[in-house]
Amino acid sequence: MVNRFLIIAGNPEIGDTTEASFKAEAEIISFVDMQDCHDQTVRVFDLLHSAPVELRIHGSWHNPNNPLYIMLTDPYGNVVVDGYGTNH
């Protein structure tokens, strides 16, 4: 399992410290899925390129037909990681 994603999470607006961690592809969906349980801003960077690429997080949390679908895309809209969160 390669830790190819850099996660930066925190909420400096409320004095929260920012934390950085590395995650593998299998861990990233679970991490993003749980961000609604924390008052944190989450940024995800793909480290597989010559320079880090920030990914955009898309969730269908408000779609009753597919409420658990999560995907992360690159700046060009290509899906880098996708999967389903949990009903928690």
C-alpha atoms as a PDB file:
ATOM      1  CA  MET A   1       0.000   0.000   0.000  1.00  0.00           C
ATOM      2  CA  VAL A   2       1.576   3.277  -1.150  1.00  0.00           C
ATOM      3  CA  ASN A   3       0.834   6.475   0.774  1.00  0.00           C
ATOM      4  CA  ARG A   4       0.448   8.683  -2.260  1.00  0.00           C
ATOM      5  CA  PHE A   5      -1.929  11.270  -0.781  1.00  0.00           C
ATOM      6  CA  LEU A   6      -1.053  14.142   1.529  1.00  0.00           C
ATOM      7  CA  ILE A   7      -3.949  15.233   3.744  1.00  0.00           C
ATOM      8  CA  ILE A   8      -3.972  18.632   5.401  1.00  0.00           C
ATOM      9  CA  ALA A   9      -6.797  18.979   7.915  1.00  0.00           C
ATOM     10  CA  GLY A  10      -7.735  21.543  10.495  1.00  0.00           C
ATOM     11  CA  ASN A  11      -9.782  24.637  11.126  1.00  0.00           C
ATOM     12  CA  PRO A  12      -7.510  27.604  11.803  1.00  0.00           C
ATOM     13  CA  GLU A  13     -10.547  29.918  11.962  1.00  0.00           C
ATOM     14  CA  ILE A  14     -11.425  28.478  15.374  1.00  0.00           C
ATOM     15  CA  GLY A  15      -7.842  28.104  16.557  1.00  0.00           C
ATOM     16  CA  ASP A  16      -7.583  24.433  15.562  1.00  0.00           C
ATOM     17  CA  THR A  17      -4.099  23.249  14.710  1.00  0.00           C
ATOM     18  CA  THR A  18      -3.507  22.058  11.199  1.00  0.00           C
ATOM     19  CA  GLU A  19      -2.327  18.475  10.868  1.00  0.00           C
ATOM     20  CA  ALA A  20      -0.727  16.733   7.915  1.00  0.00           C
ATOM     21  CA  SER A  21      -0.756  13.012   7.254  1.00  0.00           C
ATOM     22  CA  PHE A  22      -0.151  10.599   4.428  1.00  0.00           C
ATOM     23  CA  LYS A  23      -2.830   8.165   3.281  1.00  0.00           C
ATOM     24  CA  ALA A  24      -3.078   5.347   0.782  1.00  0.00           C
ATOM     25  CA  GLU A  25      -5.827   5.174  -1.827  1.00  0.00           C
ATOM     26  CA  ALA A  26      -7.738   2.614   0.243  1.00  0.00           C
ATOM     27  CA  GLU A  27      -7.820   5.020   3.218  1.00  0.00           C
ATOM     28  CA  ILE A  28      -8.729   8.242   1.474  1.00  0.00           C
ATOM     29  CA  ILE A  29     -12.470   7.655   0.962  1.00  0.00           C
ATOM     30  CA  SER A  30     -12.930   6.682   4.611  1.00  0.00           C
ATOM     31  CA  PHE A  31     -11.062   9.789   5.753  1.00  0.00           C
ATOM     32  CA  VAL A  32     -13.113  12.107   3.540  1.00  0.00           C
ATOM     33  CA  ASP A  33     -16.309  10.325   4.556  1.00  0.00           C
ATOM     34  CA  MET A  34     -15.683  11.072   8.236  1.00  0.00           C
ATOM     35  CA  GLN A  35     -14.882  14.763   7.750  1.00  0.00           C
ATOM     36  CA  ASP A  36     -18.516  15.649   8.468  1.00  0.00           C
ATOM     37  CA  CYS A  37     -17.977  14.414  12.039  1.00  0.00           C
ATOM     38  CA  HIS A  38     -15.264  17.022  12.588  1.00  0.00           C
ATOM     39  CA  ASP A  39     -15.316  20.761  12.116  1.00  0.00           C
ATOM     40  CA  GLN A  40     -12.267  20.680   9.865  1.00  0.00           C
ATOM     41  CA  THR A  41     -11.289  21.847   6.447  1.00  0.00           C
ATOM     42  CA  VAL A  42      -9.697  18.996   4.502  1.00  0.00           C
ATOM     43  CA  ARG A  43      -7.345  19.396   1.557  1.00  0.00           C
ATOM     44  CA  VAL A  44      -6.056  16.392  -0.386  1.00  0.00           C
ATOM     45  CA  PHE A  45      -2.946  16.369  -2.573  1.00  0.00           C
ATOM     46  CA  ASP A  46      -1.929  13.620  -4.993  1.00  0.00           C
ATOM     47  CA  LEU A  47       1.825  13.059  -4.708  1.00  0.00           C
ATOM     48  CA  LEU A  48       2.168  10.731  -7.685  1.00  0.00           C
ATOM     49  CA  HIS A  49       3.231  13.577 -10.000  1.00  0.00           C
ATOM     50  CA  SER A  50       6.390  15.669 -10.264  1.00  0.00           C
ATOM     51  CA  ALA A  51       4.664  18.280  -8.087  1.00  0.00           C
ATOM     52  CA  PRO A  52       1.751  17.822  -5.637  1.00  0.00           C
ATOM     53  CA  VAL A  53      -1.664  18.179  -7.287  1.00  0.00           C
ATOM     54  CA  GLU A  54      -4.559  19.371  -5.125  1.00  0.00           C
ATOM     55  CA  LEU A  55      -7.673  17.270  -5.626  1.00  0.00           C
ATOM     56  CA  ARG A  56     -11.252  18.491  -5.471  1.00  0.00           C
ATOM     57  CA  ILE A  57     -13.602  16.590  -3.158  1.00  0.00           C
ATOM     58  CA  HIS A  58     -17.080  15.818  -4.476  1.00  0.00           C
ATOM     59  CA  GLY A  59     -19.736  14.204  -2.342  1.00  0.00           C
ATOM     60  CA  SER A  60     -23.336  13.310  -2.965  1.00  0.00           C
ATOM     61  CA  TRP A  61     -24.290  13.708   0.678  1.00  0.00           C
ATOM     62  CA  HIS A  62     -27.504  15.512  -0.275  1.00  0.00           C
ATOM     63  CA  ASN A  63     -28.523  13.184  -3.093  1.00  0.00           C
ATOM     64  CA  PRO A  64     -31.136  10.768  -1.706  1.00  0.00           C
ATOM     65  CA  ASN A  65     -30.563   8.373  -4.643  1.00  0.00           C
ATOM     66  CA  ASN A  66     -26.838   8.035  -3.978  1.00  0.00           C
ATOM     67  CA  PRO A  67     -26.037   9.643  -0.606  1.00  0.00           C
ATOM     68  CA  LEU A  68     -22.739   7.916   0.096  1.00  0.00           C
ATOM     69  CA  TYR A  69     -20.824   8.369  -3.179  1.00  0.00           C
ATOM     70  CA  ILE A  70     -17.542  10.283  -2.892  1.00  0.00           C
ATOM     71  CA  MET A  71     -15.024  11.131  -5.593  1.00  0.00           C
ATOM     72  CA  LEU A  72     -11.842  13.148  -5.804  1.00  0.00           C
ATOM     73  CA  THR A  73     -10.889  14.752  -9.098  1.00  0.00           C
ATOM     74  CA  ASP A  74      -7.798  16.420 -10.456  1.00  0.00           C
ATOM     75  CA  PRO A  75      -7.894  20.020 -11.759  1.00  0.00           C
ATOM     76  CA  TYR A  76      -9.022  18.722 -15.176  1.00  0.00           C
ATOM     77  CA  GLY A  77     -12.030  16.869 -13.776  1.00  0.00           C
ATOM     78  CA  ASN A  78     -10.526  13.390 -14.091  1.00  0.00           C
ATOM     79  CA  VAL A  79     -11.569  11.023 -11.305  1.00  0.00           C
ATOM     80  CA  VAL A  80      -8.511  10.017  -9.280  1.00  0.00           C
ATOM     81  CA  VAL A  81     -10.279   8.132  -6.469  1.00  0.00           C
ATOM     82  CA  ASP A  82     -13.919   7.265  -5.917  1.00  0.00           C
ATOM     83  CA  GLY A  83     -15.927   5.041  -3.664  1.00  0.00           C
ATOM     84  CA  TYR A  84     -18.656   4.920  -1.082  1.00  0.00           C
ATOM     85  CA  GLY A  85     -18.675   6.226   2.454  1.00  0.00           C
ATOM     86  CA  THR A  86     -20.631   4.785   5.336  1.00  0.00           C
ATOM     87  CA  ASN A  87     -23.957   5.745   6.829  1.00  0.00           C
ATOM     88  CA  HIS A  88     -22.725   6.984  10.193  1.00  0.00           C
END
